[in-house]
């Protein structure tokens, strides 16, 4: 989640950044075929101003699921062809926002909910939960709803955020605790919760920051957990044991990456949402080269405050990246309102995505 950038923008000019790792370029040779940058962005759907879209996942039929932090704690389905209007799947009434989302069994997703304030940037520790949303019998035509049930509460967590699949066979996911700088494992079939990574400094938030927002977006590929650290603006990796614990300490792939959530392509490279910069950037793994693909800090409309990304899942758009956005964090700070409505947008990359 990227609410920490609401404050960081105010101090950005007073915090010069020293890059210890490769930083952003506009080199497009890592695209196939090479094309001029920035890449074109097509709006799939724009919600009203004040709609803060936090995360995204795609169903196997390519319908897009999005989670909201504002104005309500909602889960929506959006048509990638822009033919049908968005469908409200569920409102999580006991919470203020919906964050991470990941699929375990086919068409069964798990979403993270929590309580916090966008105005004060404070969150309520121990108030996070995970819900199952089962689409197997969902039918909008005859109004058969998706089945929703609570899987687990996390009273010992600080602030749960991004989520990713660990084991489909065992029904296990990993969830980032951004406030504590740790990782939880959840068995979605039994509801058992375990803190599996707790003491690695690369996961920790920056002392004195508000909100304390360390490890944020998470994805697993080939037994390696990739993650952003929002407070320290790094993109990192940590090899895992089979149970989700760390096999070795985490290491940083790239710095100067003020990232939220991200997607991985078939080669393992990351496509990171840079919320404050209004950009989407590619981080080459493992060498750490960063290339801005779309958007710019000066453009507060095209990709206004991107928060997450996911690749398409059909033959038509497996090489396309869908990006969700807040409507403009900078506009919220400068004018007390979002520049545009929260958006679902599409960028054609010409590269296949990865699905865990």
Protein backbone atom coordinates (compact mmCIF):
# COMPACT_ATOMS: atom_id res chain seq x y z
CA UNK A 1 0.00 0.00 0.00
CA UNK A 2 1.27 3.46 -0.80
CA UNK A 3 -0.25 5.81 1.68
CA UNK A 4 3.22 6.41 3.11
CA UNK A 5 4.01 8.50 0.02
CA UNK A 6 1.43 11.09 0.99
CA UNK A 7 3.99 12.36 3.48
CA UNK A 8 7.15 11.44 1.63
CA UNK A 9 6.27 13.86 -1.18
CA UNK A 10 6.40 16.71 1.30
CA UNK A 11 9.97 15.89 2.31
CA UNK A 12 11.28 14.59 -1.02
CA UNK A 13 13.22 17.72 -1.88
CA UNK A 14 14.99 17.60 1.50
CA UNK A 15 16.11 13.99 1.17
CA UNK A 16 18.74 13.56 -1.56
CA UNK A 17 19.01 9.91 -2.55
CA UNK A 18 22.34 8.17 -3.01
CA UNK A 19 21.99 5.19 -5.34
CA UNK A 20 24.04 2.13 -4.45
CA UNK A 21 22.40 0.11 -7.22
CA UNK A 22 21.33 0.69 -10.84
CA UNK A 23 18.73 3.39 -11.25
CA UNK A 24 16.08 4.37 -13.78
CA UNK A 25 16.82 4.82 -17.49
CA UNK A 26 14.74 5.25 -20.61
CA UNK A 27 16.54 2.47 -22.53
CA UNK A 28 13.96 0.32 -24.35
CA UNK A 29 16.23 -2.49 -25.57
CA UNK A 30 14.80 -4.84 -22.93
CA UNK A 31 11.40 -4.71 -24.66
CA UNK A 32 10.40 -6.98 -27.50
CA UNK A 33 10.08 -5.51 -30.00
CA UNK A 34 11.90 -2.29 -29.02
CA UNK A 35 9.56 0.71 -29.06
CA UNK A 36 9.78 4.39 -28.19
CA UNK A 37 9.25 5.21 -24.54
CA UNK A 38 7.05 6.03 -22.74
CA UNK A 39 4.67 3.33 -23.95
CA UNK A 40 1.05 4.20 -24.73
CA UNK A 41 -1.49 3.64 -21.96
CA UNK A 42 -5.16 2.82 -22.61
CA UNK A 43 -7.78 3.45 -19.95
CA UNK A 44 -9.97 0.37 -19.43
CA UNK A 45 -12.19 2.05 -16.85
CA UNK A 46 -12.11 5.18 -14.74
CA UNK A 47 -13.95 5.34 -11.42
CA UNK A 48 -15.10 8.62 -9.83
CA UNK A 49 -12.56 10.90 -8.18
CA UNK A 50 -11.66 9.73 -4.71
CA UNK A 51 -11.59 6.05 -5.72
CA UNK A 52 -8.27 4.75 -4.39
CA UNK A 53 -7.58 1.43 -6.14
CA UNK A 54 -4.98 -0.54 -4.22
CA UNK A 55 -4.47 -3.89 -5.89
CA UNK A 56 -5.34 -6.10 -8.84
CA UNK A 57 -5.67 -9.76 -9.82
CA UNK A 58 -7.08 -11.39 -12.94
CA UNK A 59 -9.47 -14.31 -13.02
CA UNK A 60 -8.87 -17.13 -15.49
CA UNK A 61 -11.59 -15.71 -17.74
CA UNK A 62 -9.54 -12.48 -17.71
CA UNK A 63 -12.06 -10.47 -15.73
CA UNK A 64 -10.16 -8.02 -13.54
CA UNK A 65 -10.53 -7.95 -9.76
CA UNK A 66 -9.58 -4.76 -7.95
CA UNK A 67 -9.40 -3.87 -4.25
CA UNK A 68 -10.25 -0.42 -2.90
CA UNK A 69 -8.89 1.66 -0.05
CA UNK A 70 -11.37 4.47 -0.67
CA UNK A 71 -14.12 5.55 -0.67
CA UNK A 72 -15.30 2.16 0.62
CA UNK A 73 -13.69 -1.21 1.43
CA UNK A 74 -14.87 -2.79 -1.82
CA UNK A 75 -13.90 -5.58 -4.18
CA UNK A 76 -14.92 -4.96 -7.81
CA UNK A 77 -14.81 -6.91 -11.06
CA UNK A 78 -13.90 -4.89 -14.17
CA UNK A 79 -14.36 -5.99 -17.78
CA UNK A 80 -11.03 -5.71 -19.66
CA UNK A 81 -12.92 -5.11 -22.92
CA UNK A 82 -14.81 -2.15 -21.39
CA UNK A 83 -18.13 -3.59 -22.59
CA UNK A 84 -19.87 -4.23 -19.28
CA UNK A 85 -19.83 -1.82 -16.31
CA UNK A 86 -17.87 -2.76 -13.17
CA UNK A 87 -19.59 -5.19 -10.81
CA UNK A 88 -19.43 -4.73 -7.05
CA UNK A 89 -18.49 -8.15 -5.69
CA UNK A 90 -18.46 -7.41 -1.97
CA UNK A 91 -18.13 -4.63 0.60
CA UNK A 92 -16.13 -5.58 3.71
CA UNK A 93 -18.20 -3.48 6.09
CA UNK A 94 -16.16 -3.96 9.29
CA UNK A 95 -12.99 -2.57 7.72
CA UNK A 96 -11.87 0.65 6.06
CA UNK A 97 -9.94 -0.84 3.15
CA UNK A 98 -9.04 -3.88 1.08
CA UNK A 99 -5.40 -4.49 0.15
CA UNK A 100 -3.59 -7.57 -1.14
CA UNK A 101 -5.27 -10.23 -3.27
CA UNK A 102 -4.04 -13.61 -4.53
CA UNK A 103 -5.50 -16.77 -6.08
CA UNK A 104 -4.93 -20.25 -4.63
CA UNK A 105 -7.31 -22.78 -6.19
CA UNK A 106 -8.86 -21.92 -9.57
CA UNK A 107 -11.20 -18.93 -9.22
CA UNK A 108 -10.84 -18.81 -5.42
CA UNK A 109 -9.14 -15.63 -4.22
CA UNK A 110 -7.99 -14.37 -0.84
CA UNK A 111 -8.07 -10.69 0.09
CA UNK A 112 -6.46 -8.77 2.93
CA UNK A 113 -8.57 -6.25 4.85
CA UNK A 114 -7.54 -3.67 7.45
CA UNK A 115 -8.37 -0.45 9.27
CA UNK A 116 -6.47 2.80 8.70
CA UNK A 117 -6.98 6.43 7.82
CA UNK A 118 -5.79 8.09 4.61
CA UNK A 119 -6.10 11.47 6.35
CA UNK A 120 -3.96 10.74 9.41
CA UNK A 121 -1.90 7.89 7.88
CA UNK A 122 -2.49 5.89 11.04
CA UNK A 123 -3.48 2.24 11.08
CA UNK A 124 -5.00 0.11 13.82
CA UNK A 125 -2.58 -2.69 14.81
CA UNK A 126 -4.04 -6.17 15.02
CA UNK A 127 -7.09 -5.26 12.91
CA UNK A 128 -6.13 -7.14 9.74
CA UNK A 129 -8.04 -10.14 8.42
CA UNK A 130 -8.09 -12.37 5.35
CA UNK A 131 -11.25 -13.39 3.50
CA UNK A 132 -11.91 -16.02 0.86
CA UNK A 133 -13.88 -14.96 -2.23
CA UNK A 134 -15.07 -17.97 -4.23
CA UNK A 135 -16.14 -17.21 -7.82
CA UNK A 136 -16.89 -20.78 -8.92
CA UNK A 137 -20.67 -20.26 -8.77
CA UNK A 138 -20.63 -16.52 -9.34
CA UNK A 139 -23.04 -15.45 -12.08
CA UNK A 140 -23.81 -11.76 -12.54
CA UNK A 141 -26.60 -12.52 -15.01
CA UNK A 142 -28.81 -14.41 -12.56
CA UNK A 143 -27.34 -12.47 -9.61
CA UNK A 144 -25.66 -15.46 -7.97
CA UNK A 145 -23.06 -13.80 -5.72
CA UNK A 146 -19.51 -14.88 -5.07
CA UNK A 147 -19.24 -16.81 -1.79
CA UNK A 148 -17.36 -14.82 0.86
CA UNK A 149 -16.09 -16.15 4.19
CA UNK A 150 -13.55 -15.00 6.75
CA UNK A 151 -10.51 -17.27 6.89
CA UNK A 152 -8.48 -15.73 9.72
CA UNK A 153 -7.90 -12.71 11.93
CA UNK A 154 -4.38 -11.51 12.69
CA UNK A 155 -4.50 -9.97 16.19
CA UNK A 156 -0.69 -10.09 16.52
CA UNK A 157 0.03 -8.37 13.24
CA UNK A 158 0.77 -4.68 12.77
CA UNK A 159 -0.53 -3.88 9.27
CA UNK A 160 -1.00 -6.59 6.65
CA UNK A 161 -0.63 -5.58 3.03
CA UNK A 162 0.53 -7.53 -0.05
CA UNK A 163 -0.19 -11.25 -0.50
CA UNK A 164 1.19 -14.00 -2.74
CA UNK A 165 0.80 -17.75 -3.30
CA UNK A 166 3.31 -20.00 -1.53
CA UNK A 167 1.87 -23.48 -2.16
CA UNK A 168 -1.29 -24.35 -4.07
CA UNK A 169 -1.07 -27.99 -2.94
CA UNK A 170 -0.95 -27.06 0.75
CA UNK A 171 -3.22 -24.03 0.39
CA UNK A 172 -0.65 -21.58 1.77
CA UNK A 173 -0.09 -17.89 1.08
CA UNK A 174 2.42 -15.36 2.37
CA UNK A 175 1.35 -11.90 3.53
CA UNK A 176 3.55 -8.85 4.09
CA UNK A 177 3.22 -7.09 7.43
CA UNK A 178 4.29 -3.63 6.28
CA UNK A 179 4.12 -2.08 9.74
CA UNK A 180 6.29 -4.69 11.44
CA UNK A 181 8.57 -5.55 8.53
CA UNK A 182 7.76 -9.25 8.66
CA UNK A 183 5.99 -12.00 6.71
CA UNK A 184 3.08 -14.17 7.81
CA UNK A 185 2.04 -17.55 6.40
CA UNK A 186 -1.64 -18.46 6.24
CA UNK A 187 -3.08 -21.88 5.51
CA UNK A 188 -6.33 -20.90 3.82
CA UNK A 189 -7.85 -24.34 4.43
CA UNK A 190 -7.22 -24.55 8.17
CA UNK A 191 -6.92 -20.88 9.09
CA UNK A 192 -3.57 -21.50 10.78
CA UNK A 193 -1.26 -18.47 10.88
CA UNK A 194 2.51 -18.41 11.43
CA UNK A 195 5.04 -15.59 11.34
CA UNK A 196 7.75 -17.08 9.08
CA UNK A 197 10.14 -14.13 8.56
CA UNK A 198 10.64 -11.61 11.32
CA UNK A 199 14.18 -10.33 11.73
CA UNK A 200 15.62 -9.44 8.33
CA UNK A 201 16.58 -5.73 8.20
CA UNK A 202 15.70 -5.36 4.50
CA UNK A 203 12.04 -5.97 5.35
CA UNK A 204 11.87 -3.39 8.12
CA UNK A 205 10.24 0.04 7.91
CA UNK A 206 12.27 3.21 8.38
CA UNK A 207 12.32 4.32 12.03
CA UNK A 208 10.20 7.41 12.62
CA UNK A 209 8.35 7.18 9.32
CA UNK A 210 4.59 7.62 9.22
CA UNK A 211 3.12 5.27 8.44
CA UNK A 212 5.80 2.68 9.09
CA UNK A 213 5.73 0.84 5.77
CA UNK A 214 8.52 -1.61 5.07
CA UNK A 215 7.94 -4.73 2.98
CA UNK A 216 4.96 -4.01 0.75
CA UNK A 217 4.34 -5.75 -2.58
CA UNK A 218 5.28 -9.46 -2.68
CA UNK A 219 5.56 -12.12 -5.39
CA UNK A 220 7.11 -15.62 -5.38
CA UNK A 221 8.82 -17.21 -8.39
CA UNK A 222 10.93 -20.39 -8.35
CA UNK A 223 11.17 -20.45 -4.58
CA UNK A 224 12.29 -16.82 -4.26
CA UNK A 225 10.24 -14.08 -2.58
CA UNK A 226 10.58 -10.73 -4.36
CA UNK A 227 9.41 -7.64 -2.50
CA UNK A 228 9.41 -3.88 -2.41
CA UNK A 229 10.35 -1.92 0.70
CA UNK A 230 8.41 1.33 0.46
CA UNK A 231 10.13 3.32 3.20
CA UNK A 232 13.64 2.52 1.92
CA UNK A 233 12.67 2.52 -1.81
CA UNK A 234 14.29 -0.82 -2.64
CA UNK A 235 13.42 -3.91 -4.68
CA UNK A 236 14.67 -7.08 -3.03
CA UNK A 237 14.78 -10.88 -3.06
CA UNK A 238 14.93 -13.61 -0.44
CA UNK A 239 15.20 -17.36 -1.21
CA UNK A 240 12.70 -19.42 0.76
CA UNK A 241 12.54 -22.81 2.38
CA UNK A 242 9.54 -24.96 1.51
CA UNK A 243 7.70 -23.78 4.64
CA UNK A 244 8.03 -20.11 3.65
CA UNK A 245 10.84 -19.26 6.04
CA UNK A 246 13.98 -17.53 4.78
CA UNK A 247 16.70 -19.85 3.47
CA UNK A 248 19.28 -17.03 3.50
CA UNK A 249 19.16 -13.31 4.33
CA UNK A 250 17.46 -10.97 1.86
CA UNK A 251 19.47 -9.00 -0.69
CA UNK A 252 18.71 -5.84 -2.65
CA UNK A 253 18.38 -5.99 -6.44
CA UNK A 254 17.76 -2.28 -7.08
CA UNK A 255 17.57 0.91 -5.03
CA UNK A 256 15.80 4.16 -5.78
CA UNK A 257 12.67 2.15 -6.63
CA UNK A 258 9.84 3.86 -4.77
CA UNK A 259 7.59 0.91 -5.46
CA UNK A 260 4.26 -0.39 -4.30
CA UNK A 261 3.04 -3.68 -5.79
CA UNK A 262 4.31 -5.27 -8.99
CA UNK A 263 3.98 -8.08 -11.54
CA UNK A 264 6.57 -10.54 -12.83
CA UNK A 265 7.06 -11.58 -16.44
CA UNK A 266 7.93 -15.07 -17.71
CA UNK A 267 11.64 -14.32 -17.46
CA UNK A 268 11.36 -13.14 -13.87
CA UNK A 269 11.68 -9.39 -14.43
CA UNK A 270 9.47 -7.09 -12.35
CA UNK A 271 7.04 -4.35 -13.43
CA UNK A 272 6.71 -2.03 -10.49
CA UNK A 273 4.09 0.63 -9.78
CA UNK A 274 5.85 3.86 -8.73
CA UNK A 275 3.02 5.73 -7.07
CA UNK A 276 4.55 9.13 -6.39
CA UNK A 277 6.37 9.31 -9.73
CA UNK A 278 3.21 8.39 -11.71
CA UNK A 279 5.28 5.75 -13.50
CA UNK A 280 5.53 2.04 -14.21
CA UNK A 281 9.11 0.76 -14.32
CA UNK A 282 10.75 -2.51 -15.28
CA UNK A 283 13.36 -3.91 -12.88
CA UNK A 284 15.60 -6.45 -14.56
CA UNK A 285 16.29 -9.43 -12.33
CA UNK A 286 18.94 -10.15 -11.17
CA UNK A 287 21.13 -7.28 -12.44
CA UNK A 288 18.87 -4.50 -11.17
CA UNK A 289 18.63 -2.24 -14.20
CA UNK A 290 15.54 -0.01 -13.93
CA UNK A 291 13.72 1.25 -17.04
CA UNK A 292 10.73 3.59 -16.89
CA UNK A 293 8.16 2.23 -19.35
CA UNK A 294 5.17 4.53 -18.96
CA UNK A 295 4.15 7.75 -17.24
CA UNK A 296 6.23 10.56 -15.77
CA UNK A 297 6.32 12.70 -12.60
CA UNK A 298 5.04 15.68 -14.58
CA UNK A 299 2.08 13.77 -16.03
CA UNK A 300 -0.59 13.58 -13.33
CA UNK A 301 -3.24 12.09 -15.61
CA UNK A 302 -1.98 9.17 -17.74
CA UNK A 303 -1.02 6.93 -14.81
CA UNK A 304 -1.94 8.99 -11.79
CA UNK A 305 -0.60 7.25 -8.70
CA UNK A 306 -0.18 3.63 -9.89
CA UNK A 307 -0.35 1.06 -7.09
CA UNK A 308 -0.17 -2.42 -8.66
CA UNK A 309 0.02 -4.39 -11.91
CA UNK A 310 -0.90 -7.79 -13.35
CA UNK A 311 -0.54 -9.49 -16.72
CA UNK A 312 -3.48 -10.62 -18.82
CA UNK A 313 -4.39 -14.30 -18.83
CA UNK A 314 -5.87 -14.96 -22.28
CA UNK A 315 -4.31 -15.46 -25.70
CA UNK A 316 -5.32 -11.93 -26.62
CA UNK A 317 -3.52 -10.15 -23.80
CA UNK A 318 -0.92 -12.40 -22.17
CA UNK A 319 1.62 -9.81 -23.29
CA UNK A 320 -0.33 -6.90 -21.81
CA UNK A 321 0.07 -5.36 -18.39
CA UNK A 322 -2.96 -4.06 -16.49
CA UNK A 323 -2.20 -1.26 -14.04
CA UNK A 324 -4.41 0.17 -11.29
CA UNK A 325 -4.05 3.65 -9.84
CA UNK A 326 -5.27 5.99 -7.12
CA UNK A 327 -6.16 8.97 -9.26
CA UNK A 328 -3.10 10.94 -8.18
CA UNK A 329 -1.43 11.08 -4.77
CA UNK A 330 0.24 14.37 -5.69
CA UNK A 331 -3.10 15.96 -6.45
CA UNK A 332 -4.43 14.74 -3.12
CA UNK A 333 -1.59 16.46 -1.27
CA UNK A 334 -1.50 19.67 -3.31
CA UNK A 335 -5.22 20.26 -3.79
CA UNK A 336 -6.94 18.05 -1.22
CA UNK A 337 -8.41 15.94 -4.00
CA UNK A 338 -7.32 13.33 -6.50
CA UNK A 339 -6.36 14.62 -9.95
CA UNK A 340 -8.49 12.06 -11.81
CA UNK A 341 -10.57 9.07 -10.83
CA UNK A 342 -8.99 5.77 -9.88
CA UNK A 343 -8.25 3.86 -13.07
CA UNK A 344 -7.68 0.46 -14.54
CA UNK A 345 -5.31 0.90 -17.49
CA UNK A 346 -3.62 -1.35 -20.04
CA UNK A 347 -0.08 -1.27 -21.43
CA UNK A 348 0.94 -3.58 -24.30
CA UNK A 349 4.45 -4.81 -23.53
CA UNK A 350 5.00 -7.64 -26.03
CA UNK A 351 6.30 -9.85 -23.18
CA UNK A 352 4.62 -12.82 -21.53
CA UNK A 353 3.58 -12.59 -17.90
CA UNK A 354 4.30 -15.09 -15.11
CA UNK A 355 1.61 -16.82 -13.08
CA UNK A 356 2.58 -18.58 -9.86
